[in-house]
Amino acid sequence: MIHAPFKKEHMTTVSEALDIAEDRTGDYFKFSAGQWKRHRYDVKTLSQLTNLERVPRVFALLKKRTSSKDTVEPSSRQRDFYFICLQDHRILKAVNRDRDIGLLPLLVYVFTHELVHIVRFCNFSQRFEVSTKDREKEERVVHATTYEILKELSLPRLDYILNSYETHRVCDMIEC
């Protein structure tokens, strides 16, 4: 099956959404600009994903890589690095399916949700590898936190997304 990736004109919106999400998430957790450096992550869009990173039923896949797999260093110096793997085709399908969903607010929601996970993993509030039961609990916590972060943000169509995805609890996480 052919999946449509973001087009060039979408990439500005992706970048803007990430800036908003990072700013709001940082404010919520009271981060200085430099504190984001401790929470190492990058974003991959569909054209950059491997077949294993293309997954059904989610807008983003969170992947984790530990530095020790590529280098030799003591465990005390190992650092985790996260990848937010956007599922462009799923995001665009949602935007095209429902005219009340805008690309920018949906991406802000998706990025904020994934950044909350990353902060929780990096701050040891939650382990990356968990049972299905614990993953469901984590999703409830992250969803509630995402809502708290975004509820006061003045962004057209964001309220609709917060209400539409209030019960959305799906998140696939894999370690590479």
C-alpha atoms as a PDB file:
ATOM      1  CA  MET A   1       0.000   0.000   0.000  1.00  0.00           C
ATOM      2  CA  ILE A   2       1.311   3.451  -0.928  1.00  0.00           C
ATOM      3  CA  HIS A   3       1.252   5.981   1.901  1.00  0.00           C
ATOM      4  CA  ALA A   4       1.220   9.693   1.124  1.00  0.00           C
ATOM      5  CA  PRO A   5       3.941  11.556   3.051  1.00  0.00           C
ATOM      6  CA  PHE A   6       3.795  15.196   4.026  1.00  0.00           C
ATOM      7  CA  LYS A   7       4.374  17.497   1.088  1.00  0.00           C
ATOM      8  CA  LYS A   8       6.845  20.341   1.104  1.00  0.00           C
ATOM      9  CA  GLU A   9       4.109  22.828   2.039  1.00  0.00           C
ATOM     10  CA  HIS A  10       3.227  20.732   5.119  1.00  0.00           C
ATOM     11  CA  MET A  11       6.740  20.861   6.554  1.00  0.00           C
ATOM     12  CA  THR A  12       6.415  24.481   7.710  1.00  0.00           C
ATOM     13  CA  THR A  13       3.328  23.455   9.682  1.00  0.00           C
ATOM     14  CA  VAL A  14       5.180  20.456  11.150  1.00  0.00           C
ATOM     15  CA  SER A  15       7.988  22.752  12.298  1.00  0.00           C
ATOM     16  CA  GLU A  16       5.584  25.335  13.719  1.00  0.00           C
ATOM     17  CA  ALA A  17       3.635  22.648  15.594  1.00  0.00           C
ATOM     18  CA  LEU A  18       6.827  21.257  17.124  1.00  0.00           C
ATOM     19  CA  ASP A  19       7.880  24.751  18.252  1.00  0.00           C
ATOM     20  CA  ILE A  20       4.498  25.333  19.904  1.00  0.00           C
ATOM     21  CA  ALA A  21       4.441  21.903  21.537  1.00  0.00           C
ATOM     22  CA  GLU A  22       7.986  22.196  22.840  1.00  0.00           C
ATOM     23  CA  ASP A  23       7.328  25.693  24.183  1.00  0.00           C
ATOM     24  CA  ARG A  24       4.075  24.696  25.926  1.00  0.00           C
ATOM     25  CA  THR A  25       5.535  21.468  27.301  1.00  0.00           C
ATOM     26  CA  GLY A  26       8.641  23.266  28.526  1.00  0.00           C
ATOM     27  CA  ASP A  27       6.506  25.922  30.241  1.00  0.00           C
ATOM     28  CA  TYR A  28       4.396  23.240  31.916  1.00  0.00           C
ATOM     29  CA  PHE A  29       7.441  21.410  33.267  1.00  0.00           C
ATOM     30  CA  LYS A  30       9.179  24.751  34.012  1.00  0.00           C
ATOM     31  CA  PHE A  31      12.136  24.027  31.734  1.00  0.00           C
ATOM     32  CA  SER A  32      14.735  26.576  30.779  1.00  0.00           C
ATOM     33  CA  ALA A  33      15.670  26.575  27.091  1.00  0.00           C
ATOM     34  CA  GLY A  34      18.801  24.578  27.933  1.00  0.00           C
ATOM     35  CA  GLN A  35      16.920  21.853  29.790  1.00  0.00           C
ATOM     36  CA  TRP A  36      15.499  20.486  26.529  1.00  0.00           C
ATOM     37  CA  LYS A  37      19.055  19.384  25.700  1.00  0.00           C
ATOM     38  CA  ARG A  38      18.784  16.741  28.442  1.00  0.00           C
ATOM     39  CA  HIS A  39      15.693  15.360  26.726  1.00  0.00           C
ATOM     40  CA  ARG A  40      17.250  14.179  23.500  1.00  0.00           C
ATOM     41  CA  TYR A  41      14.868  13.551  20.638  1.00  0.00           C
ATOM     42  CA  ASP A  42      14.404  14.017  16.936  1.00  0.00           C
ATOM     43  CA  VAL A  43      11.436  13.878  14.576  1.00  0.00           C
ATOM     44  CA  LYS A  44      11.159  11.612  11.557  1.00  0.00           C
ATOM     45  CA  THR A  45       8.474  11.916   8.915  1.00  0.00           C
ATOM     46  CA  LEU A  46       7.133   9.110   6.755  1.00  0.00           C
ATOM     47  CA  SER A  47       9.764   9.475   4.032  1.00  0.00           C
ATOM     48  CA  GLN A  48      12.476   8.847   6.661  1.00  0.00           C
ATOM     49  CA  LEU A  49      10.863   5.842   8.338  1.00  0.00           C
ATOM     50  CA  THR A  50      11.861   2.214   7.995  1.00  0.00           C
ATOM     51  CA  ASN A  51       9.176  -0.411   7.394  1.00  0.00           C
ATOM     52  CA  LEU A  52       9.230  -1.286  11.122  1.00  0.00           C
ATOM     53  CA  GLU A  53       8.563   2.341  12.001  1.00  0.00           C
ATOM     54  CA  ARG A  54       5.425   2.488   9.849  1.00  0.00           C
ATOM     55  CA  VAL A  55       2.624   1.315  12.079  1.00  0.00           C
ATOM     56  CA  PRO A  56      -1.178   1.220  11.897  1.00  0.00           C
ATOM     57  CA  ARG A  57      -3.680   2.977  14.156  1.00  0.00           C
ATOM     58  CA  VAL A  58      -1.439   5.752  15.544  1.00  0.00           C
ATOM     59  CA  PHE A  59      -0.354   9.244  14.545  1.00  0.00           C
ATOM     60  CA  ALA A  60       3.168   8.790  15.905  1.00  0.00           C
ATOM     61  CA  LEU A  61       5.457   6.013  17.047  1.00  0.00           C
ATOM     62  CA  LEU A  62       7.944   6.711  19.795  1.00  0.00           C
ATOM     63  CA  LYS A  63      11.242   4.876  19.397  1.00  0.00           C
ATOM     64  CA  LYS A  64      14.106   4.736  21.842  1.00  0.00           C
ATOM     65  CA  ARG A  65      17.766   4.170  21.195  1.00  0.00           C
ATOM     66  CA  THR A  66      20.407   3.934  23.900  1.00  0.00           C
ATOM     67  CA  SER A  67      23.850   5.310  23.119  1.00  0.00           C
ATOM     68  CA  SER A  68      25.544   2.202  24.476  1.00  0.00           C
ATOM     69  CA  LYS A  69      24.407   0.186  21.455  1.00  0.00           C
ATOM     70  CA  ASP A  70      26.651   2.254  19.187  1.00  0.00           C
ATOM     71  CA  THR A  71      29.517   3.080  21.540  1.00  0.00           C
ATOM     72  CA  VAL A  72      31.421   1.540  24.416  1.00  0.00           C
ATOM     73  CA  GLU A  73      30.898   3.498  27.608  1.00  0.00           C
ATOM     74  CA  PRO A  74      30.052   2.789  31.254  1.00  0.00           C
ATOM     75  CA  SER A  75      26.352   2.347  32.032  1.00  0.00           C
ATOM     76  CA  SER A  76      26.387   5.548  34.113  1.00  0.00           C
ATOM     77  CA  ARG A  77      27.090   7.522  30.917  1.00  0.00           C
ATOM     78  CA  GLN A  78      24.544   5.803  28.689  1.00  0.00           C
ATOM     79  CA  ARG A  79      22.045   8.232  27.229  1.00  0.00           C
ATOM     80  CA  ASP A  80      18.673   7.568  25.731  1.00  0.00           C
ATOM     81  CA  PHE A  81      17.664   9.182  22.483  1.00  0.00           C
ATOM     82  CA  TYR A  82      14.066   9.235  21.282  1.00  0.00           C
ATOM     83  CA  PHE A  83      12.565   9.445  17.827  1.00  0.00           C
ATOM     84  CA  ILE A  84       9.068  10.752  17.241  1.00  0.00           C
ATOM     85  CA  CYS A  85       8.148   8.875  14.068  1.00  0.00           C
ATOM     86  CA  LEU A  86       5.227  10.731  12.516  1.00  0.00           C
ATOM     87  CA  GLN A  87       2.778   8.662  10.522  1.00  0.00           C
ATOM     88  CA  ASP A  88       2.119  11.357   7.909  1.00  0.00           C
ATOM     89  CA  HIS A  89      -0.457   9.306   6.042  1.00  0.00           C
ATOM     90  CA  ARG A  90      -2.549   8.718   9.181  1.00  0.00           C
ATOM     91  CA  ILE A  91      -2.388  12.389  10.166  1.00  0.00           C
ATOM     92  CA  LEU A  92      -3.333  13.575   6.683  1.00  0.00           C
ATOM     93  CA  LYS A  93      -6.136  11.018   6.501  1.00  0.00           C
ATOM     94  CA  ALA A  94      -7.624  12.363   9.746  1.00  0.00           C
ATOM     95  CA  VAL A  95      -7.381  15.959   8.510  1.00  0.00           C
ATOM     96  CA  ASN A  96      -9.009  15.035   5.177  1.00  0.00           C
ATOM     97  CA  ARG A  97     -11.704  12.913   6.838  1.00  0.00           C
ATOM     98  CA  ASP A  98     -12.909  15.625   9.233  1.00  0.00           C
ATOM     99  CA  ARG A  99     -12.887  19.256   8.127  1.00  0.00           C
ATOM    100  CA  ASP A 100     -13.038  20.379  11.776  1.00  0.00           C
ATOM    101  CA  ILE A 101      -9.535  18.975  12.348  1.00  0.00           C
ATOM    102  CA  GLY A 102      -6.745  21.275  11.267  1.00  0.00           C
ATOM    103  CA  LEU A 103      -3.242  20.055  10.529  1.00  0.00           C
ATOM    104  CA  LEU A 104      -1.554  22.528  12.898  1.00  0.00           C
ATOM    105  CA  PRO A 105      -3.673  21.804  15.992  1.00  0.00           C
ATOM    106  CA  LEU A 106      -3.553  18.049  15.387  1.00  0.00           C
ATOM    107  CA  LEU A 107       0.233  18.121  15.099  1.00  0.00           C
ATOM    108  CA  VAL A 108       0.500  20.308  18.217  1.00  0.00           C
ATOM    109  CA  TYR A 109      -1.542  17.698  20.069  1.00  0.00           C
ATOM    110  CA  VAL A 110       0.527  14.778  18.724  1.00  0.00           C
ATOM    111  CA  PHE A 111       3.873  16.439  19.453  1.00  0.00           C
ATOM    112  CA  THR A 112       2.818  17.563  22.931  1.00  0.00           C
ATOM    113  CA  HIS A 113       1.653  14.050  23.746  1.00  0.00           C
ATOM    114  CA  GLU A 114       4.943  12.500  22.611  1.00  0.00           C
ATOM    115  CA  LEU A 115       7.037  15.163  24.357  1.00  0.00           C
ATOM    116  CA  VAL A 116       5.231  14.435  27.624  1.00  0.00           C
ATOM    117  CA  HIS A 117       6.202  10.778  27.219  1.00  0.00           C
ATOM    118  CA  ILE A 118       9.819  11.760  26.568  1.00  0.00           C
ATOM    119  CA  VAL A 119       9.950  14.035  29.614  1.00  0.00           C
ATOM    120  CA  ARG A 120       8.454  11.304  31.796  1.00  0.00           C
ATOM    121  CA  PHE A 121      10.954   8.723  30.512  1.00  0.00           C
ATOM    122  CA  CYS A 122      13.955  11.045  30.855  1.00  0.00           C
ATOM    123  CA  ASN A 123      12.917  12.123  34.363  1.00  0.00           C
ATOM    124  CA  PHE A 124      12.371   8.480  35.382  1.00  0.00           C
ATOM    125  CA  SER A 125       8.687   9.078  36.122  1.00  0.00           C
ATOM    126  CA  GLN A 126       7.926   6.128  33.868  1.00  0.00           C
ATOM    127  CA  ARG A 127       9.904   3.273  32.338  1.00  0.00           C
ATOM    128  CA  PHE A 128       9.868   2.921  28.570  1.00  0.00           C
ATOM    129  CA  GLU A 129       9.418  -0.850  28.705  1.00  0.00           C
ATOM    130  CA  VAL A 130       6.179  -1.651  30.512  1.00  0.00           C
ATOM    131  CA  SER A 131       3.377  -4.193  30.522  1.00  0.00           C
ATOM    132  CA  THR A 132       0.195  -3.579  28.567  1.00  0.00           C
ATOM    133  CA  LYS A 133      -1.651  -2.708  31.778  1.00  0.00           C
ATOM    134  CA  ASP A 134       1.002  -0.171  32.801  1.00  0.00           C
ATOM    135  CA  ARG A 135       1.103   1.246  29.264  1.00  0.00           C
ATOM    136  CA  GLU A 136      -2.639   1.912  29.429  1.00  0.00           C
ATOM    137  CA  LYS A 137      -2.166   3.667  32.768  1.00  0.00           C
ATOM    138  CA  GLU A 138       0.710   5.709  31.315  1.00  0.00           C
ATOM    139  CA  GLU A 139      -1.456   6.718  28.359  1.00  0.00           C
ATOM    140  CA  ARG A 140      -4.154   8.003  30.723  1.00  0.00           C
ATOM    141  CA  VAL A 141      -1.559  10.054  32.631  1.00  0.00           C
ATOM    142  CA  VAL A 142       0.008  11.415  29.436  1.00  0.00           C
ATOM    143  CA  HIS A 143      -3.370  12.226  27.918  1.00  0.00           C
ATOM    144  CA  ALA A 144      -4.413  14.118  31.052  1.00  0.00           C
ATOM    145  CA  THR A 145      -1.094  15.988  31.118  1.00  0.00           C
ATOM    146  CA  THR A 146      -1.357  16.822  27.408  1.00  0.00           C
ATOM    147  CA  TYR A 147      -4.837  18.216  28.016  1.00  0.00           C
ATOM    148  CA  GLU A 148      -3.567  20.340  30.942  1.00  0.00           C
ATOM    149  CA  ILE A 149      -0.748  21.709  28.798  1.00  0.00           C
ATOM    150  CA  LEU A 150      -2.965  22.600  25.840  1.00  0.00           C
ATOM    151  CA  LYS A 151      -6.334  23.517  27.356  1.00  0.00           C
ATOM    152  CA  GLU A 152      -5.511  27.246  27.619  1.00  0.00           C
ATOM    153  CA  LEU A 153      -3.777  27.492  24.234  1.00  0.00           C
ATOM    154  CA  SER A 154      -5.647  29.747  21.844  1.00  0.00           C
ATOM    155  CA  LEU A 155      -5.425  27.847  18.585  1.00  0.00           C
ATOM    156  CA  PRO A 156      -8.313  27.418  16.138  1.00  0.00           C
ATOM    157  CA  ARG A 157      -9.770  23.890  16.168  1.00  0.00           C
ATOM    158  CA  LEU A 158      -7.659  22.734  19.118  1.00  0.00           C
ATOM    159  CA  ASP A 159     -10.697  22.469  21.409  1.00  0.00           C
ATOM    160  CA  TYR A 160     -12.318  20.174  18.881  1.00  0.00           C
ATOM    161  CA  ILE A 161      -9.242  17.949  18.831  1.00  0.00           C
ATOM    162  CA  LEU A 162      -8.968  17.876  22.627  1.00  0.00           C
ATOM    163  CA  ASN A 163     -12.613  16.799  22.813  1.00  0.00           C
ATOM    164  CA  SER A 164     -12.429  14.361  19.886  1.00  0.00           C
ATOM    165  CA  TYR A 165      -9.367  12.543  21.139  1.00  0.00           C
ATOM    166  CA  GLU A 166     -10.179  12.690  24.838  1.00  0.00           C
ATOM    167  CA  THR A 167     -10.498   8.910  25.000  1.00  0.00           C
ATOM    168  CA  HIS A 168      -7.736   8.218  22.492  1.00  0.00           C
ATOM    169  CA  ARG A 169      -5.335   5.952  24.359  1.00  0.00           C
ATOM    170  CA  VAL A 170      -3.317   4.254  21.594  1.00  0.00           C
ATOM    171  CA  CYS A 171       0.468   4.575  21.604  1.00  0.00           C
ATOM    172  CA  ASP A 172       2.928   2.049  20.194  1.00  0.00           C
ATOM    173  CA  MET A 173       6.418   2.178  21.652  1.00  0.00           C
ATOM    174  CA  ILE A 174       9.347   0.037  20.558  1.00  0.00           C
ATOM    175  CA  GLU A 175      13.013  -0.095  21.431  1.00  0.00           C
ATOM    176  CA  CYS A 176      15.473  -0.272  18.583  1.00  0.00           C
END
